[in-house]
Amino acid sequence: MIEERDYTKQELADLFFPNTKRPEARIKALWREVNGCPELVEALRHLRWNPRSHSYTKRQIEVMKELLCRD
């Protein structure tokens, strides 16, 4: 379960891809998921997202949950 708080990229990658063995692979998988959804990239940019940042804000996490965790 993803709580409503700020997360580092590594924490978020660990939550989204718990079965991936290497931490670096989890980060890359998260990057592919984010960049694979143009709607998400646009929404994050409106929230002042910096792809080089090491963390995501609470609001960015909410948008990610909304757009990536669809059924």
PDB file of N, CA and C in Angstrom:
ATOM      1  N   MET A   1       0.845  -1.186   0.000  1.00  0.00           N
ATOM      2  CA  MET A   1       0.000   0.000   0.000  1.00  0.00           C
ATOM      3  C   MET A   1       0.882   1.239   0.000  1.00  0.00           C
ATOM      4  N   ILE A   2       0.585   2.150  -0.850  1.00  0.00           N
ATOM      5  CA  ILE A   2       1.359   3.377  -0.950  1.00  0.00           C
ATOM      6  C   ILE A   2       0.685   4.434  -0.087  1.00  0.00           C
ATOM      7  N   GLU A   3       1.412   4.927   0.896  1.00  0.00           N
ATOM      8  CA  GLU A   3       0.896   5.955   1.798  1.00  0.00           C
ATOM      9  C   GLU A   3       0.980   7.324   1.133  1.00  0.00           C
ATOM     10  N   GLU A   4       0.248   8.271   1.669  1.00  0.00           N
ATOM     11  CA  GLU A   4       0.284   9.640   1.167  1.00  0.00           C
ATOM     12  C   GLU A   4       1.411  10.392   1.853  1.00  0.00           C
ATOM     13  N   ARG A   5       2.588  10.359   1.228  1.00  0.00           N
ATOM     14  CA  ARG A   5       3.776  11.044   1.734  1.00  0.00           C
ATOM     15  C   ARG A   5       4.785  11.141   0.599  1.00  0.00           C
ATOM     16  N   ASP A   6       5.879  11.849   0.835  1.00  0.00           N
ATOM     17  CA  ASP A   6       6.962  11.901  -0.147  1.00  0.00           C
ATOM     18  C   ASP A   6       7.710  10.564  -0.146  1.00  0.00           C
ATOM     19  N   TYR A   7       8.226  10.168  -1.299  1.00  0.00           N
ATOM     20  CA  TYR A   7       8.998   8.932  -1.428  1.00  0.00           C
ATOM     21  C   TYR A   7      10.264   9.206  -2.224  1.00  0.00           C
ATOM     22  N   THR A   8      11.322   8.496  -1.873  1.00  0.00           N
ATOM     23  CA  THR A   8      12.502   8.518  -2.731  1.00  0.00           C
ATOM     24  C   THR A   8      12.197   7.611  -3.925  1.00  0.00           C
ATOM     25  N   LYS A   9      12.967   7.779  -4.982  1.00  0.00           N
ATOM     26  CA  LYS A   9      12.778   6.920  -6.152  1.00  0.00           C
ATOM     27  C   LYS A   9      12.972   5.455  -5.776  1.00  0.00           C
ATOM     28  N   GLN A  10      13.961   5.182  -4.950  1.00  0.00           N
ATOM     29  CA  GLN A  10      14.245   3.800  -4.572  1.00  0.00           C
ATOM     30  C   GLN A  10      13.087   3.204  -3.768  1.00  0.00           C
ATOM     31  N   GLU A  11      12.543   3.959  -2.821  1.00  0.00           N
ATOM     32  CA  GLU A  11      11.407   3.462  -2.040  1.00  0.00           C
ATOM     33  C   GLU A  11      10.227   3.137  -2.951  1.00  0.00           C
ATOM     34  N   LEU A  12       9.946   4.030  -3.873  1.00  0.00           N
ATOM     35  CA  LEU A  12       8.822   3.831  -4.770  1.00  0.00           C
ATOM     36  C   LEU A  12       9.065   2.642  -5.699  1.00  0.00           C
ATOM     37  N   ALA A  13      10.263   2.535  -6.219  1.00  0.00           N
ATOM     38  CA  ALA A  13      10.604   1.399  -7.081  1.00  0.00           C
ATOM     39  C   ALA A  13      10.476   0.085  -6.315  1.00  0.00           C
ATOM     40  N   ASP A  14      10.888   0.077  -5.056  1.00  0.00           N
ATOM     41  CA  ASP A  14      10.773  -1.126  -4.225  1.00  0.00           C
ATOM     42  C   ASP A  14       9.312  -1.532  -4.031  1.00  0.00           C
ATOM     43  N   LEU A  15       8.419  -0.539  -3.912  1.00  0.00           N
ATOM     44  CA  LEU A  15       6.998  -0.829  -3.739  1.00  0.00           C
ATOM     45  C   LEU A  15       6.362  -1.335  -5.032  1.00  0.00           C
ATOM     46  N   PHE A  16       6.711  -0.731  -6.151  1.00  0.00           N
ATOM     47  CA  PHE A  16       6.120  -1.110  -7.432  1.00  0.00           C
ATOM     48  C   PHE A  16       6.680  -2.428  -7.974  1.00  0.00           C
ATOM     49  N   PHE A  17       7.949  -2.717  -7.698  1.00  0.00           N
ATOM     50  CA  PHE A  17       8.603  -3.901  -8.270  1.00  0.00           C
ATOM     51  C   PHE A  17       9.322  -4.721  -7.190  1.00  0.00           C
ATOM     52  N   PRO A  18       8.579  -5.251  -6.227  1.00  0.00           N
ATOM     53  CA  PRO A  18       9.217  -5.965  -5.116  1.00  0.00           C
ATOM     54  C   PRO A  18       9.903  -7.273  -5.523  1.00  0.00           C
ATOM     55  N   ASN A  19       9.514  -7.851  -6.653  1.00  0.00           N
ATOM     56  CA  ASN A  19      10.083  -9.137  -7.067  1.00  0.00           C
ATOM     57  C   ASN A  19      11.315  -9.009  -7.951  1.00  0.00           C
ATOM     58  N   THR A  20      11.701  -7.795  -8.260  1.00  0.00           N
ATOM     59  CA  THR A  20      12.911  -7.565  -9.049  1.00  0.00           C
ATOM     60  C   THR A  20      14.088  -7.557  -8.092  1.00  0.00           C
ATOM     61  N   LYS A  21      15.100  -8.366  -8.389  1.00  0.00           N
ATOM     62  CA  LYS A  21      16.186  -8.580  -7.430  1.00  0.00           C
ATOM     63  C   LYS A  21      17.082  -7.371  -7.205  1.00  0.00           C
ATOM     64  N   ARG A  22      17.572  -6.770  -8.283  1.00  0.00           N
ATOM     65  CA  ARG A  22      18.553  -5.697  -8.128  1.00  0.00           C
ATOM     66  C   ARG A  22      17.881  -4.330  -7.980  1.00  0.00           C
ATOM     67  N   PRO A  23      18.332  -3.521  -7.026  1.00  0.00           N
ATOM     68  CA  PRO A  23      17.756  -2.184  -6.843  1.00  0.00           C
ATOM     69  C   PRO A  23      17.842  -1.317  -8.103  1.00  0.00           C
ATOM     70  N   GLU A  24      18.947  -1.437  -8.838  1.00  0.00           N
ATOM     71  CA  GLU A  24      19.107  -0.645 -10.055  1.00  0.00           C
ATOM     72  C   GLU A  24      18.053  -1.028 -11.099  1.00  0.00           C
ATOM     73  N   ALA A  25      17.731  -2.303 -11.162  1.00  0.00           N
ATOM     74  CA  ALA A  25      16.723  -2.777 -12.112  1.00  0.00           C
ATOM     75  C   ALA A  25      15.333  -2.273 -11.720  1.00  0.00           C
ATOM     76  N   ARG A  26      15.080  -2.163 -10.414  1.00  0.00           N
ATOM     77  CA  ARG A  26      13.790  -1.638  -9.959  1.00  0.00           C
ATOM     78  C   ARG A  26      13.641  -0.166 -10.358  1.00  0.00           C
ATOM     79  N   ILE A  27      14.714   0.608 -10.205  1.00  0.00           N
ATOM     80  CA  ILE A  27      14.686   2.024 -10.592  1.00  0.00           C
ATOM     81  C   ILE A  27      14.439   2.146 -12.100  1.00  0.00           C
ATOM     82  N   LYS A  28      15.121   1.338 -12.896  1.00  0.00           N
ATOM     83  CA  LYS A  28      14.941   1.385 -14.352  1.00  0.00           C
ATOM     84  C   LYS A  28      13.519   0.994 -14.743  1.00  0.00           C
ATOM     85  N   ALA A  29      12.959   0.015 -14.053  1.00  0.00           N
ATOM     86  CA  ALA A  29      11.589  -0.407 -14.339  1.00  0.00           C
ATOM     87  C   ALA A  29      10.601   0.719 -14.009  1.00  0.00           C
ATOM     88  N   LEU A  30      10.833   1.408 -12.907  1.00  0.00           N
ATOM     89  CA  LEU A  30       9.985   2.542 -12.546  1.00  0.00           C
ATOM     90  C   LEU A  30      10.098   3.627 -13.610  1.00  0.00           C
ATOM     91  N   TRP A  31      11.307   3.911 -14.057  1.00  0.00           N
ATOM     92  CA  TRP A  31      11.538   4.917 -15.091  1.00  0.00           C
ATOM     93  C   TRP A  31      10.778   4.558 -16.371  1.00  0.00           C
ATOM     94  N   ARG A  32      10.826   3.286 -16.762  1.00  0.00           N
ATOM     95  CA  ARG A  32      10.106   2.843 -17.962  1.00  0.00           C
ATOM     96  C   ARG A  32       8.591   3.019 -17.799  1.00  0.00           C
ATOM     97  N   GLU A  33       8.082   2.704 -16.623  1.00  0.00           N
ATOM     98  CA  GLU A  33       6.646   2.858 -16.369  1.00  0.00           C
ATOM     99  C   GLU A  33       6.230   4.316 -16.471  1.00  0.00           C
ATOM    100  N   VAL A  34       6.982   5.187 -15.846  1.00  0.00           N
ATOM    101  CA  VAL A  34       6.653   6.619 -15.860  1.00  0.00           C
ATOM    102  C   VAL A  34       6.730   7.157 -17.279  1.00  0.00           C
ATOM    103  N   ASN A  35       7.817   6.898 -17.967  1.00  0.00           N
ATOM    104  CA  ASN A  35       8.003   7.426 -19.319  1.00  0.00           C
ATOM    105  C   ASN A  35       7.110   6.742 -20.345  1.00  0.00           C
ATOM    106  N   GLY A  36       6.600   5.585 -20.019  1.00  0.00           N
ATOM    107  CA  GLY A  36       5.707   4.873 -20.920  1.00  0.00           C
ATOM    108  C   GLY A  36       4.283   5.397 -20.884  1.00  0.00           C
ATOM    109  N   CYS A  37       4.023   6.352 -20.019  1.00  0.00           N
ATOM    110  CA  CYS A  37       2.682   6.927 -19.891  1.00  0.00           C
ATOM    111  C   CYS A  37       2.774   8.436 -20.122  1.00  0.00           C
ATOM    112  N   PRO A  38       2.588   8.872 -21.376  1.00  0.00           N
ATOM    113  CA  PRO A  38       2.706  10.304 -21.690  1.00  0.00           C
ATOM    114  C   PRO A  38       1.790  11.184 -20.843  1.00  0.00           C
ATOM    115  N   GLU A  39       0.624  10.669 -20.513  1.00  0.00           N
ATOM    116  CA  GLU A  39      -0.319  11.413 -19.674  1.00  0.00           C
ATOM    117  C   GLU A  39       0.289  11.672 -18.292  1.00  0.00           C
ATOM    118  N   LEU A  40       0.979  10.678 -17.760  1.00  0.00           N
ATOM    119  CA  LEU A  40       1.632  10.828 -16.458  1.00  0.00           C
ATOM    120  C   LEU A  40       2.786  11.818 -16.534  1.00  0.00           C
ATOM    121  N   VAL A  41       3.609  11.711 -17.561  1.00  0.00           N
ATOM    122  CA  VAL A  41       4.745  12.632 -17.714  1.00  0.00           C
ATOM    123  C   VAL A  41       4.244  14.074 -17.767  1.00  0.00           C
ATOM    124  N   GLU A  42       3.194  14.310 -18.529  1.00  0.00           N
ATOM    125  CA  GLU A  42       2.633  15.659 -18.635  1.00  0.00           C
ATOM    126  C   GLU A  42       2.104  16.145 -17.281  1.00  0.00           C
ATOM    127  N   ALA A  43       1.388  15.273 -16.578  1.00  0.00           N
ATOM    128  CA  ALA A  43       0.849  15.646 -15.269  1.00  0.00           C
ATOM    129  C   ALA A  43       1.975  15.944 -14.277  1.00  0.00           C
ATOM    130  N   LEU A  44       3.026  15.137 -14.304  1.00  0.00           N
ATOM    131  CA  LEU A  44       4.155  15.368 -13.397  1.00  0.00           C
ATOM    132  C   LEU A  44       4.874  16.672 -13.728  1.00  0.00           C
ATOM    133  N   ARG A  45       4.997  16.982 -14.998  1.00  0.00           N
ATOM    134  CA  ARG A  45       5.642  18.250 -15.390  1.00  0.00           C
ATOM    135  C   ARG A  45       4.873  19.449 -14.862  1.00  0.00           C
ATOM    136  N   HIS A  46       3.551  19.338 -14.846  1.00  0.00           N
ATOM    137  CA  HIS A  46       2.737  20.423 -14.294  1.00  0.00           C
ATOM    138  C   HIS A  46       2.952  20.569 -12.789  1.00  0.00           C
ATOM    139  N   LEU A  47       3.430  19.509 -12.170  1.00  0.00           N
ATOM    140  CA  LEU A  47       3.706  19.533 -10.724  1.00  0.00           C
ATOM    141  C   LEU A  47       5.189  19.795 -10.436  1.00  0.00           C
ATOM    142  N   ARG A  48       5.877  20.379 -11.413  1.00  0.00           N
ATOM    143  CA  ARG A  48       7.287  20.751 -11.283  1.00  0.00           C
ATOM    144  C   ARG A  48       8.206  19.544 -11.069  1.00  0.00           C
ATOM    145  N   TRP A  49       7.915  18.480 -11.767  1.00  0.00           N
ATOM    146  CA  TRP A  49       8.707  17.260 -11.688  1.00  0.00           C
ATOM    147  C   TRP A  49      10.045  17.468 -12.375  1.00  0.00           C
ATOM    148  N   ASN A  50      11.094  17.059 -11.709  1.00  0.00           N
ATOM    149  CA  ASN A  50      12.436  17.067 -12.280  1.00  0.00           C
ATOM    150  C   ASN A  50      12.868  15.608 -12.400  1.00  0.00           C
ATOM    151  N   PRO A  51      13.017  15.081 -13.614  1.00  0.00           N
ATOM    152  CA  PRO A  51      13.378  13.674 -13.779  1.00  0.00           C
ATOM    153  C   PRO A  51      14.677  13.282 -13.075  1.00  0.00           C
ATOM    154  N   ARG A  52      15.539  14.249 -12.792  1.00  0.00           N
ATOM    155  CA  ARG A  52      16.799  13.944 -12.110  1.00  0.00           C
ATOM    156  C   ARG A  52      16.698  13.979 -10.589  1.00  0.00           C
ATOM    157  N   SER A  53      15.553  14.393 -10.097  1.00  0.00           N
ATOM    158  CA  SER A  53      15.347  14.442  -8.653  1.00  0.00           C
ATOM    159  C   SER A  53      15.371  13.029  -8.073  1.00  0.00           C
ATOM    160  N   HIS A  54      15.757  12.920  -6.833  1.00  0.00           N
ATOM    161  CA  HIS A  54      15.833  11.615  -6.183  1.00  0.00           C
ATOM    162  C   HIS A  54      14.578  11.278  -5.391  1.00  0.00           C
ATOM    163  N   SER A  55      13.577  12.142  -5.491  1.00  0.00           N
ATOM    164  CA  SER A  55      12.348  11.877  -4.749  1.00  0.00           C
ATOM    165  C   SER A  55      11.137  12.424  -5.496  1.00  0.00           C
ATOM    166  N   TYR A  56       9.970  11.954  -5.056  1.00  0.00           N
ATOM    167  CA  TYR A  56       8.696  12.417  -5.578  1.00  0.00           C
ATOM    168  C   TYR A  56       7.912  13.011  -4.423  1.00  0.00           C
ATOM    169  N   THR A  57       7.192  14.105  -4.699  1.00  0.00           N
ATOM    170  CA  THR A  57       6.381  14.741  -3.669  1.00  0.00           C
ATOM    171  C   THR A  57       5.094  13.955  -3.448  1.00  0.00           C
ATOM    172  N   LYS A  58       4.430  14.293  -2.374  1.00  0.00           N
ATOM    173  CA  LYS A  58       3.164  13.651  -2.041  1.00  0.00           C
ATOM    174  C   LYS A  58       2.164  13.790  -3.191  1.00  0.00           C
ATOM    175  N   ARG A  59       2.070  14.967  -3.762  1.00  0.00           N
ATOM    176  CA  ARG A  59       1.121  15.207  -4.869  1.00  0.00           C
ATOM    177  C   ARG A  59       1.523  14.424  -6.119  1.00  0.00           C
ATOM    178  N   GLN A  60       2.818  14.339  -6.405  1.00  0.00           N
ATOM    179  CA  GLN A  60       3.274  13.553  -7.545  1.00  0.00           C
ATOM    180  C   GLN A  60       2.938  12.079  -7.346  1.00  0.00           C
ATOM    181  N   ILE A  61       3.073  11.600  -6.133  1.00  0.00           N
ATOM    182  CA  ILE A  61       2.731  10.203  -5.816  1.00  0.00           C
ATOM    183  C   ILE A  61       1.241   9.962  -6.047  1.00  0.00           C
ATOM    184  N   GLU A  62       0.403  10.913  -5.630  1.00  0.00           N
ATOM    185  CA  GLU A  62      -1.036  10.773  -5.838  1.00  0.00           C
ATOM    186  C   GLU A  62      -1.357  10.630  -7.323  1.00  0.00           C
ATOM    187  N   VAL A  63      -0.721  11.453  -8.156  1.00  0.00           N
ATOM    188  CA  VAL A  63      -0.946  11.390  -9.602  1.00  0.00           C
ATOM    189  C   VAL A  63      -0.444  10.059 -10.152  1.00  0.00           C
ATOM    190  N   MET A  64       0.699   9.598  -9.686  1.00  0.00           N
ATOM    191  CA  MET A  64       1.236   8.309 -10.147  1.00  0.00           C
ATOM    192  C   MET A  64       0.295   7.169  -9.777  1.00  0.00           C
ATOM    193  N   LYS A  65      -0.216   7.189  -8.559  1.00  0.00           N
ATOM    194  CA  LYS A  65      -1.159   6.144  -8.139  1.00  0.00           C
ATOM    195  C   LYS A  65      -2.390   6.160  -9.029  1.00  0.00           C
ATOM    196  N   GLU A  66      -2.890   7.352  -9.311  1.00  0.00           N
ATOM    197  CA  GLU A  66      -4.086   7.505 -10.112  1.00  0.00           C
ATOM    198  C   GLU A  66      -3.896   6.970 -11.537  1.00  0.00           C
ATOM    199  N   LEU A  67      -2.736   7.278 -12.128  1.00  0.00           N
ATOM    200  CA  LEU A  67      -2.524   6.921 -13.537  1.00  0.00           C
ATOM    201  C   LEU A  67      -1.853   5.576 -13.754  1.00  0.00           C
ATOM    202  N   LEU A  68      -1.034   5.119 -12.807  1.00  0.00           N
ATOM    203  CA  LEU A  68      -0.334   3.832 -12.990  1.00  0.00           C
ATOM    204  C   LEU A  68      -1.062   2.657 -12.338  1.00  0.00           C
ATOM    205  N   CYS A  69      -1.842   2.913 -11.341  1.00  0.00           N
ATOM    206  CA  CYS A  69      -2.488   1.830 -10.583  1.00  0.00           C
ATOM    207  C   CYS A  69      -3.921   1.616 -11.006  1.00  0.00           C
ATOM    208  N   ARG A  70      -4.178   1.790 -12.281  1.00  0.00           N
ATOM    209  CA  ARG A  70      -5.529   1.572 -12.801  1.00  0.00           C
ATOM    210  C   ARG A  70      -5.774   0.083 -12.949  1.00  0.00           C
ATOM    211  N   ASP A  71      -7.026  -0.304 -12.850  1.00  0.00           N
ATOM    212  CA  ASP A  71      -7.374  -1.723 -13.063  1.00  0.00           C
ATOM    213  C   ASP A  71      -7.474  -2.042 -14.527  1.00  0.00           C
TER     214      ASP A  71
END
